[in-house]
C-alpha atoms as a PDB file:
ATOM      1  CA  MET A   1       7.693  43.707  23.994  1.00  0.00           C
ATOM      2  CA  ALA A   2       4.663  42.071  25.577  1.00  0.00           C
ATOM      3  CA  ALA A   3       2.621  39.934  23.212  1.00  0.00           C
ATOM      4  CA  ARG A   4      -0.923  41.022  22.405  1.00  0.00           C
ATOM      5  CA  VAL A   5      -3.422  38.336  23.346  1.00  0.00           C
ATOM      6  CA  ASN A   6      -7.088  38.142  22.428  1.00  0.00           C
ATOM      7  CA  ALA A   7      -9.976  35.869  23.360  1.00  0.00           C
ATOM      8  CA  GLN A   8      -9.043  33.342  20.660  1.00  0.00           C
ATOM      9  CA  ASP A   9      -5.515  32.676  21.916  1.00  0.00           C
ATOM     10  CA  PHE A  10      -5.976  33.464  25.627  1.00  0.00           C
ATOM     11  CA  GLU A  11      -6.282  29.830  26.692  1.00  0.00           C
ATOM     12  CA  ASN A  12      -3.127  28.693  24.872  1.00  0.00           C
ATOM     13  CA  GLU A  13      -1.027  31.764  25.656  1.00  0.00           C
ATOM     14  CA  VAL A  14      -2.092  32.323  29.263  1.00  0.00           C
ATOM     15  CA  LEU A  15      -3.946  29.434  30.852  1.00  0.00           C
ATOM     16  CA  LYS A  16      -1.822  26.673  29.313  1.00  0.00           C
ATOM     17  CA  SER A  17       1.520  28.464  29.612  1.00  0.00           C
ATOM     18  CA  ASP A  18       4.450  26.528  31.093  1.00  0.00           C
ATOM     19  CA  VAL A  19       5.603  29.670  32.927  1.00  0.00           C
ATOM     20  CA  PRO A  20       3.622  32.206  34.987  1.00  0.00           C
ATOM     21  CA  VAL A  21       1.906  34.887  32.905  1.00  0.00           C
ATOM     22  CA  LEU A  22       1.430  38.527  33.851  1.00  0.00           C
ATOM     23  CA  ALA A  23      -1.628  39.758  31.929  1.00  0.00           C
ATOM     24  CA  ASP A  24      -2.006  43.501  31.478  1.00  0.00           C
ATOM     25  CA  PHE A  25      -5.654  44.432  30.910  1.00  0.00           C
ATOM     26  CA  TYR A  26      -5.354  47.894  29.375  1.00  0.00           C
ATOM     27  CA  SER A  27      -7.054  50.502  27.213  1.00  0.00           C
ATOM     28  CA  ASP A  28      -5.405  52.570  24.480  1.00  0.00           C
ATOM     29  CA  SER A  29      -6.951  55.766  25.895  1.00  0.00           C
ATOM     30  CA  CYS A  30      -5.766  55.101  29.467  1.00  0.00           C
ATOM     31  CA  VAL A  31      -2.915  57.407  30.563  1.00  0.00           C
ATOM     32  CA  PRO A  32      -1.816  55.215  33.515  1.00  0.00           C
ATOM     33  CA  CYS A  33      -1.735  52.252  31.080  1.00  0.00           C
ATOM     34  CA  LYS A  34       0.662  54.154  28.824  1.00  0.00           C
ATOM     35  CA  ARG A  35       2.882  54.999  31.795  1.00  0.00           C
ATOM     36  CA  LEU A  36       2.901  51.340  32.800  1.00  0.00           C
ATOM     37  CA  SER A  37       4.197  50.084  29.421  1.00  0.00           C
ATOM     38  CA  PRO A  38       7.905  50.853  30.041  1.00  0.00           C
ATOM     39  CA  VAL A  39       7.636  49.365  33.544  1.00  0.00           C
ATOM     40  CA  LEU A  40       6.217  46.155  32.087  1.00  0.00           C
ATOM     41  CA  ALA A  41       8.993  46.119  29.485  1.00  0.00           C
ATOM     42  CA  ASP A  42      11.569  46.288  32.301  1.00  0.00           C
ATOM     43  CA  VAL A  43       9.852  43.453  34.184  1.00  0.00           C
ATOM     44  CA  GLU A  44       9.655  41.398  31.011  1.00  0.00           C
ATOM     45  CA  ASP A  45      13.377  41.879  30.352  1.00  0.00           C
ATOM     46  CA  GLU A  46      14.350  41.133  33.940  1.00  0.00           C
ATOM     47  CA  TYR A  47      12.199  38.004  34.249  1.00  0.00           C
ATOM     48  CA  SER A  48      12.295  36.867  30.601  1.00  0.00           C
ATOM     49  CA  ASP A  49      13.431  33.339  31.420  1.00  0.00           C
ATOM     50  CA  ARG A  50      10.677  32.667  33.963  1.00  0.00           C
ATOM     51  CA  LEU A  51       7.714  34.943  33.151  1.00  0.00           C
ATOM     52  CA  LYS A  52       5.593  35.793  30.124  1.00  0.00           C
ATOM     53  CA  VAL A  53       3.990  39.239  29.867  1.00  0.00           C
ATOM     54  CA  VAL A  54       0.906  39.696  27.687  1.00  0.00           C
ATOM     55  CA  LYS A  55      -1.398  42.623  26.948  1.00  0.00           C
ATOM     56  CA  ILE A  56      -5.177  42.384  26.592  1.00  0.00           C
ATOM     57  CA  ASN A  57      -7.094  45.368  25.254  1.00  0.00           C
ATOM     58  CA  ILE A  58     -10.298  45.626  27.296  1.00  0.00           C
ATOM     59  CA  ASN A  59     -12.066  47.520  24.501  1.00  0.00           C
ATOM     60  CA  PHE A  60     -11.550  44.782  21.917  1.00  0.00           C
ATOM     61  CA  ASP A  61     -11.773  41.816  24.288  1.00  0.00           C
ATOM     62  CA  ALA A  62     -14.479  42.964  26.665  1.00  0.00           C
ATOM     63  CA  GLU A  63     -15.591  39.368  27.259  1.00  0.00           C
ATOM     64  CA  LEU A  64     -12.201  38.554  28.816  1.00  0.00           C
ATOM     65  CA  ALA A  65     -12.355  41.683  30.942  1.00  0.00           C
ATOM     66  CA  GLN A  66     -15.835  40.721  32.095  1.00  0.00           C
ATOM     67  CA  LYS A  67     -14.897  37.090  32.742  1.00  0.00           C
ATOM     68  CA  TYR A  68     -11.981  38.153  34.977  1.00  0.00           C
ATOM     69  CA  GLU A  69     -13.970  40.997  36.557  1.00  0.00           C
ATOM     70  CA  VAL A  70     -11.659  43.745  35.371  1.00  0.00           C
ATOM     71  CA  GLN A  71     -13.308  46.945  36.582  1.00  0.00           C
ATOM     72  CA  ALA A  72     -10.614  49.459  35.623  1.00  0.00           C
ATOM     73  CA  ALA A  73      -7.525  49.840  33.516  1.00  0.00           C
ATOM     74  CA  PRO A  74      -4.802  49.079  34.095  1.00  0.00           C
ATOM     75  CA  THR A  75      -5.337  45.801  35.882  1.00  0.00           C
ATOM     76  CA  LEU A  76      -2.541  43.254  36.084  1.00  0.00           C
ATOM     77  CA  ILE A  77      -3.416  39.635  36.790  1.00  0.00           C
ATOM     78  CA  LEU A  78      -0.752  37.035  37.481  1.00  0.00           C
ATOM     79  CA  PHE A  79      -1.685  33.548  36.266  1.00  0.00           C
ATOM     80  CA  LYS A  80       0.166  30.412  37.296  1.00  0.00           C
ATOM     81  CA  ASP A  81      -0.884  26.958  36.109  1.00  0.00           C
ATOM     82  CA  GLY A  82      -4.016  28.500  34.602  1.00  0.00           C
ATOM     83  CA  GLN A  83      -5.171  30.097  37.869  1.00  0.00           C
ATOM     84  CA  GLU A  84      -5.164  33.698  39.048  1.00  0.00           C
ATOM     85  CA  THR A  85      -2.645  34.067  41.864  1.00  0.00           C
ATOM     86  CA  ALA A  86      -2.414  37.861  42.253  1.00  0.00           C
ATOM     87  CA  ARG A  87      -3.978  41.087  41.012  1.00  0.00           C
ATOM     88  CA  LEU A  88      -2.898  44.739  40.922  1.00  0.00           C
ATOM     89  CA  ARG A  89      -5.039  47.706  39.869  1.00  0.00           C
ATOM     90  CA  GLY A  90      -4.471  51.341  39.018  1.00  0.00           C
ATOM     91  CA  THR A  91      -1.171  53.171  39.199  1.00  0.00           C
ATOM     92  CA  ILE A  92       1.397  50.419  39.600  1.00  0.00           C
ATOM     93  CA  LYS A  93       5.117  50.682  40.350  1.00  0.00           C
ATOM     94  CA  LYS A  94       7.738  48.133  39.398  1.00  0.00           C
ATOM     95  CA  SER A  95       8.229  47.268  43.064  1.00  0.00           C
ATOM     96  CA  ASP A  96       4.518  46.374  43.305  1.00  0.00           C
ATOM     97  CA  ILE A  97       4.913  43.967  40.413  1.00  0.00           C
ATOM     98  CA  THR A  98       8.132  42.360  41.621  1.00  0.00           C
ATOM     99  CA  GLU A  99       6.555  41.857  45.039  1.00  0.00           C
ATOM    100  CA  ILE A 100       3.817  39.600  43.605  1.00  0.00           C
ATOM    101  CA  LEU A 101       6.300  37.703  41.460  1.00  0.00           C
END
């Protein structure tokens, strides 16, 4: 299951990670976010040795959402070596995710 990350541990868990990190900016009340959870679990299982998946609640960590210009949930941002390398928004399929990986 994807680790929950907040503003306090974002730098260590995401920006300083030794492997690429797929950050899911989500909201608990977002239906597409709930549909995306099992897809992310599949991706996490499939890429477990070379990818970290984390979840960031935009309601509780609005400053992170603002900093990374997250306009809607769900938004997935792929970070590598502390830099954003790809972004997906809205209804996302597994094939969309694997394509950016």
